[in-house]
Protein backbone atom coordinates (compact mmCIF):
# COMPACT_ATOMS: atom_id res chain seq x y z
CA MET A 1 4.72 -24.64 0.24
CA ARG A 2 2.37 -21.61 -0.78
CA TYR A 3 1.14 -18.99 0.90
CA ALA A 4 -1.57 -16.65 -0.12
CA ALA A 5 -2.27 -12.65 0.98
CA ILE A 6 -5.44 -10.87 0.44
CA ASP A 7 -5.37 -7.07 0.65
CA ILE A 8 -8.83 -5.39 0.98
CA GLY A 9 -7.96 -1.54 0.28
CA SER A 10 -9.64 1.31 -0.45
CA ASN A 11 -8.76 1.55 -4.12
CA ALA A 12 -8.17 -1.92 -4.82
CA VAL A 13 -8.35 -5.59 -3.94
CA ARG A 14 -5.37 -7.85 -4.14
CA LEU A 15 -4.52 -11.30 -3.75
CA LEU A 16 -0.87 -12.76 -4.03
CA ILE A 17 0.19 -16.16 -4.26
CA ALA A 18 3.64 -16.77 -3.13
CA ASP A 19 5.90 -20.00 -3.13
CA LEU A 20 8.07 -20.59 -0.49
CA THR A 21 11.99 -21.92 -0.67
CA ASP A 22 13.82 -22.98 2.29
CA ASN A 23 17.72 -22.42 1.71
CA ASP A 24 19.46 -23.97 4.67
CA GLY A 25 16.68 -22.55 7.28
CA ILE A 26 16.30 -19.03 5.23
CA ILE A 27 12.77 -18.88 4.05
CA SER A 28 12.10 -16.65 1.38
CA PHE A 29 9.44 -16.22 -1.03
CA LYS A 30 8.70 -15.91 -4.94
CA LYS A 31 5.63 -14.61 -6.38
CA ASN A 32 3.72 -17.01 -7.97
CA THR A 33 0.49 -15.36 -8.76
CA LEU A 34 -1.02 -11.79 -8.49
CA ILE A 35 -4.32 -10.52 -9.09
CA ARG A 36 -5.90 -6.90 -8.62
CA VAL A 37 -9.41 -5.83 -8.87
CA PRO A 38 -10.05 -2.29 -8.79
CA LEU A 39 -13.46 -2.26 -6.72
CA ARG A 40 -12.65 1.27 -5.19
CA LEU A 41 -14.81 0.66 -1.52
CA GLY A 42 -13.29 4.11 -0.77
CA ASP A 43 -15.63 5.96 -2.42
CA ASN A 44 -18.63 4.25 -0.38
CA ALA A 45 -16.70 4.38 3.00
CA PHE A 46 -15.62 7.83 2.93
CA LEU A 47 -18.72 9.43 1.88
CA ASP A 48 -21.07 7.80 2.99
CA GLN A 49 -19.00 5.61 6.01
CA PHE A 50 -21.22 2.57 4.44
CA ILE A 51 -20.54 -0.14 2.07
CA SER A 52 -23.38 0.23 -0.50
CA ASP A 53 -25.06 -3.23 -1.36
CA LYS A 54 -23.38 -3.11 -5.05
CA LYS A 55 -20.10 -3.04 -3.40
CA ALA A 56 -20.53 -5.53 -1.04
CA GLU A 57 -21.92 -8.04 -3.47
CA ASP A 58 -18.74 -7.53 -5.77
CA LEU A 59 -16.42 -8.03 -2.62
CA LEU A 60 -18.22 -10.95 -1.65
CA LYS A 61 -17.92 -12.26 -5.49
CA THR A 62 -13.95 -11.50 -5.58
CA MET A 63 -13.12 -13.05 -2.04
CA GLN A 64 -15.28 -16.29 -3.58
CA ALA A 65 -12.74 -16.05 -6.39
CA PHE A 66 -9.65 -15.49 -4.55
CA LYS A 67 -10.84 -18.54 -2.32
CA ASN A 68 -11.49 -20.73 -5.35
CA LEU A 69 -7.94 -19.82 -6.70
CA MET A 70 -6.19 -20.44 -3.10
CA ASP A 71 -8.11 -24.19 -3.40
CA VAL A 72 -6.85 -24.74 -6.74
CA TYR A 73 -3.64 -23.45 -6.39
CA LYS A 74 -3.22 -25.56 -2.99
CA VAL A 75 -2.39 -22.96 -0.58
CA THR A 76 -1.24 -24.14 2.77
CA ASP A 77 -1.87 -20.63 4.83
CA TYR A 78 -3.41 -17.28 4.27
CA MET A 79 -3.83 -13.90 5.54
CA ALA A 80 -6.55 -11.51 4.62
CA CYS A 81 -6.37 -8.14 5.87
CA ALA A 82 -8.70 -4.89 5.01
CA THR A 83 -7.55 -1.46 5.77
CA SER A 84 -9.17 2.11 5.96
CA ALA A 85 -12.38 1.93 3.88
CA LEU A 86 -13.43 -0.94 6.03
CA ARG A 87 -12.11 0.62 8.99
CA GLU A 88 -14.59 3.45 8.47
CA ALA A 89 -17.31 1.87 6.86
CA GLU A 90 -20.04 1.03 9.58
CA ASN A 91 -20.97 -1.94 8.08
CA GLY A 92 -17.46 -3.29 8.19
CA GLN A 93 -17.30 -5.73 10.77
CA GLU A 94 -20.90 -6.96 9.00
CA LEU A 95 -19.06 -7.62 5.72
CA VAL A 96 -16.04 -9.51 7.49
CA LYS A 97 -19.05 -11.85 8.89
CA LYS A 98 -20.51 -12.33 5.87
CA ILE A 99 -17.41 -13.29 3.80
CA LYS A 100 -16.60 -15.43 6.71
CA GLU A 101 -20.09 -17.24 6.05
CA LYS A 102 -20.25 -17.36 2.45
CA THR A 103 -16.69 -17.96 1.61
CA ASP A 104 -14.92 -19.44 5.07
CA LEU A 105 -12.23 -16.56 4.75
CA ASN A 106 -10.72 -15.29 7.91
CA LEU A 107 -10.99 -11.72 7.19
CA GLU A 108 -9.27 -9.40 9.84
CA ILE A 109 -9.89 -5.12 9.76
CA VAL A 110 -6.55 -3.81 10.62
CA GLU A 111 -5.75 -0.84 12.53
CA GLY A 112 -3.44 1.83 10.79
CA GLU A 113 0.06 1.26 13.24
CA ARG A 114 -0.48 -2.49 12.50
CA GLU A 115 -1.36 -1.77 8.81
CA ALA A 116 2.19 0.13 9.08
CA HIS A 117 3.79 -2.82 10.52
CA ILE A 118 2.83 -5.40 7.94
CA ILE A 119 4.06 -2.99 5.22
CA TYR A 120 7.21 -2.41 6.53
CA SER A 121 7.54 -6.42 7.53
CA SER A 122 8.66 -7.16 3.90
CA HIS A 123 12.16 -5.64 5.30
CA ILE A 124 13.12 -3.78 2.15
CA GLU A 125 15.55 -1.23 4.26
CA GLN A 126 17.63 -4.07 4.80
CA THR A 127 18.21 -5.04 1.31
CA LEU A 128 19.31 -1.18 1.02
CA ASP A 129 22.36 0.79 2.39
CA ARG A 130 22.11 0.21 6.40
CA LYS A 131 24.24 3.20 7.30
CA LYS A 132 21.52 5.12 5.30
CA ASN A 133 18.35 6.37 7.58
CA TYR A 134 14.89 5.83 5.55
CA LEU A 135 11.58 7.22 5.88
CA TYR A 136 9.30 4.46 4.55
CA ILE A 137 6.36 5.99 2.78
CA ASP A 138 3.01 3.91 1.72
CA VAL A 139 0.46 5.67 0.05
CA GLY A 140 -2.95 4.02 -0.38
CA GLY A 141 -6.06 5.04 -1.26
CA GLY A 142 -7.64 5.90 2.11
CA SER A 143 -4.35 6.43 4.55
CA THR A 144 -0.77 6.74 4.40
CA GLU A 145 1.63 5.02 6.63
CA LEU A 146 5.06 6.51 7.62
CA SER A 147 8.23 4.45 9.50
CA ILE A 148 11.53 5.88 10.12
CA PHE A 149 14.17 3.40 10.04
CA SER A 150 17.95 4.07 11.25
CA ASP A 151 20.59 1.14 11.17
CA GLY A 152 17.81 -1.52 10.44
CA ALA A 153 15.69 -0.46 13.19
CA MET A 154 12.32 0.95 13.23
CA LEU A 155 12.17 4.18 15.64
CA ALA A 156 8.85 5.84 14.99
CA SER A 157 5.83 5.09 13.04
CA LYS A 158 2.38 6.54 12.25
CA SER A 159 -0.73 6.16 10.23
CA PHE A 160 -2.52 9.22 8.75
CA ASP A 161 -5.84 9.30 7.16
CA LEU A 162 -4.79 10.89 3.70
CA GLY A 163 -4.93 8.68 0.69
CA THR A 164 -5.72 9.05 -2.81
CA ILE A 165 -9.67 8.37 -3.13
CA ARG A 166 -9.99 10.44 0.31
CA ILE A 167 -8.38 13.31 -1.95
CA LEU A 168 -10.46 12.46 -5.27
CA ASP A 169 -13.48 12.71 -2.89
CA ASN A 170 -12.38 16.09 -0.94
CA GLN A 171 -12.23 13.96 2.10
CA ASP A 172 -8.85 14.91 3.60
CA LYS A 173 -8.65 17.11 6.41
CA ASP A 174 -6.67 20.22 6.76
CA GLU A 175 -5.90 19.35 10.29
CA THR A 176 -4.55 16.15 9.31
CA TRP A 177 -1.95 17.49 7.01
CA GLU A 178 -0.78 19.88 9.80
CA ASP A 179 -0.73 16.52 11.88
CA LEU A 180 1.71 14.98 9.39
CA LYS A 181 4.14 18.12 9.02
CA ASP A 182 4.08 18.29 12.68
CA TRP A 183 5.38 14.39 12.96
CA LEU A 184 7.68 15.06 10.30
CA LYS A 185 9.36 17.83 11.67
CA VAL A 186 9.56 16.31 15.16
CA GLU A 187 10.73 12.68 14.01
CA THR A 188 12.90 13.77 11.27
CA ARG A 189 14.92 16.66 13.05
CA ASN A 190 17.61 14.47 14.05
CA PHE A 191 18.70 13.09 10.62
CA LYS A 192 20.53 14.66 7.86
CA ASN A 193 20.15 13.31 4.63
CA LEU A 194 17.39 10.99 5.11
CA SER A 195 16.15 8.80 1.90
CA GLY A 196 12.76 7.90 0.97
CA ILE A 197 11.19 4.34 0.53
CA GLY A 198 7.94 4.12 -1.36
CA THR A 199 5.43 1.84 -1.67
CA GLY A 200 1.77 1.30 -3.30
CA GLY A 201 0.57 1.04 -6.65
CA ASN A 202 1.09 4.74 -7.86
CA ILE A 203 4.82 4.97 -6.85
CA ASN A 204 5.42 1.77 -8.86
CA LYS A 205 3.80 3.26 -12.01
CA LEU A 206 5.36 6.52 -11.29
CA PHE A 207 8.62 4.90 -11.26
CA LYS A 208 7.89 3.17 -14.61
CA LEU A 209 7.02 6.30 -16.25
CA SER A 210 10.13 8.07 -14.95
CA GLU A 211 12.39 5.64 -17.23
CA GLU A 212 14.79 5.34 -13.93
CA LYS A 213 16.87 2.53 -13.88
CA GLU A 214 15.67 -0.69 -11.82
CA GLY A 215 17.62 -0.19 -8.29
CA MET A 216 18.41 3.57 -8.67
CA PRO A 217 16.28 5.80 -6.58
CA LEU A 218 13.74 8.50 -8.06
CA SER A 219 14.89 12.01 -7.32
CA TYR A 220 12.49 14.94 -6.06
CA VAL A 221 13.21 16.90 -8.82
CA LYS A 222 12.68 14.08 -11.39
CA LEU A 223 9.11 13.36 -9.44
CA LYS A 224 8.03 16.67 -9.54
CA THR A 225 8.60 16.95 -13.01
CA LEU A 226 6.43 13.95 -13.81
CA PHE A 227 3.75 15.68 -11.81
CA GLY A 228 3.65 18.69 -14.06
CA TYR A 229 3.78 16.54 -17.06
CA LEU A 230 0.97 13.76 -15.66
CA ASN A 231 -1.23 17.02 -14.78
CA SER A 232 -1.09 18.78 -18.01
CA PHE A 233 -3.15 15.86 -19.72
CA SER A 234 -7.05 15.56 -18.71
CA LEU A 235 -8.03 12.40 -17.16
CA LYS A 236 -9.26 11.18 -20.51
CA ASP A 237 -5.95 11.66 -22.10
CA ARG A 238 -3.93 10.02 -19.42
CA ILE A 239 -6.13 6.92 -20.63
CA ASN A 240 -5.77 7.32 -24.16
CA ILE A 241 -2.75 8.64 -24.85
CA LEU A 242 -0.66 7.74 -21.52
CA GLY A 243 -2.17 4.26 -21.31
CA LEU A 244 -3.13 4.54 -18.11
CA ASN A 245 -5.59 2.14 -16.74
CA GLN A 246 -8.92 4.02 -15.88
CA ASP A 247 -8.45 3.25 -11.96
CA ARG A 248 -4.94 4.38 -12.23
CA ALA A 249 -5.19 7.58 -14.17
CA ASP A 250 -7.07 9.64 -11.67
CA VAL A 251 -5.13 8.49 -8.08
CA ILE A 252 -1.97 9.10 -9.70
CA ILE A 253 -2.14 12.77 -9.29
CA PRO A 254 -3.26 12.56 -5.76
CA ALA A 255 -0.64 9.89 -5.01
CA CYS A 256 1.93 12.41 -6.44
CA GLU A 257 1.06 15.36 -4.30
CA ILE A 258 1.43 13.16 -1.21
CA PHE A 259 4.97 11.96 -2.12
CA LEU A 260 6.05 15.01 -3.13
CA THR A 261 4.54 16.92 -0.11
CA ILE A 262 6.20 14.41 2.40
CA MET A 263 9.69 14.59 0.67
CA LYS A 264 9.67 18.41 0.52
CA TRP A 265 8.67 18.53 4.50
CA ALA A 266 11.32 15.55 5.36
CA SER A 267 14.16 17.56 3.23
CA ILE A 268 14.06 13.85 1.18
CA LYS A 269 15.73 14.21 -2.19
CA HIS A 270 15.89 10.66 -3.47
CA ILE A 271 13.35 7.84 -2.55
CA TYR A 272 13.93 4.29 -3.67
CA VAL A 273 10.84 2.44 -5.30
CA PRO A 274 11.32 -1.51 -4.57
CA LYS A 275 7.91 -2.72 -6.01
CA VAL A 276 6.74 -4.22 -2.66
CA GLY A 277 3.01 -3.40 -0.65
CA MET A 278 0.94 -4.99 1.53
CA VAL A 279 0.80 -8.29 0.44
CA ASP A 280 4.26 -8.79 0.49
CA GLY A 281 4.39 -7.78 4.11
CA ILE A 282 1.76 -10.23 4.77
CA ILE A 283 3.42 -13.46 3.41
CA GLN A 284 6.30 -12.20 5.04
CA VAL A 285 4.41 -12.04 8.52
CA LEU A 286 3.13 -15.36 7.76
CA ILE A 287 6.49 -17.04 7.28
CA GLU A 288 7.53 -15.15 10.62
CA LYS A 289 4.45 -16.68 12.00
CA ASN A 290 5.42 -20.47 10.95
CA PHE A 291 9.03 -20.67 11.49
CA LYS A 292 9.52 -18.69 14.71
CA LYS A 293 13.29 -20.23 15.77
């Protein structure tokens, strides 16, 4: 069996096609194909609260291409989710309707809390030391999702309108940063030695650039040093000298700022980077839907 996950984010749109295996009733999946298209819908959504005709057309073409691939791969079930860009765009629901008409794909615009739930459905904390307490941090283009885990159970979760595209477009608000700080202060006060789990394309790239060993956490000190190093290059040089993709070279700086700020406020010294994201969570949600005991 094969499942597909579509994540329409504020910076990029992703399709993951995954192969399922049944091992004595334990269902797991292996990534088959992952495609990322840097549409950057957030630029429209956060500045104008509207997705332009040009971006809407690009999104439609992308969805049609994804649908064709899903057909060729003979996908048996799928789930398509859109996050903060379409949440904030006044024509978000209109686009959902158009995508259904043209491609027959059902797209769900998910609220922040549901987004956080889908992201942590990948259950990464279970592969780490269950005795530890974790703050799960997912940084996207339009929002940041935080969840606290202790003994493998989620205790608190919240979504904040802070993201990389939002910061680049100067659409992040001081009160949102304050809300974030207050939430962390209240929710993390009972935890000593909180570890971080970081997800999203930017932290994956930062981990790669850090040359840290696979499976080892990235320290706050190392991340801060890396931030200083990246910041010493112009945008052009981050692309030409460091070899970063054009759509990664600008967002990686605000992403790093968000991670460092959260780690500082929550007194987190180390962050694990498990290379998962929204699409992995979506596949897991599909598995749980179809294989409920």
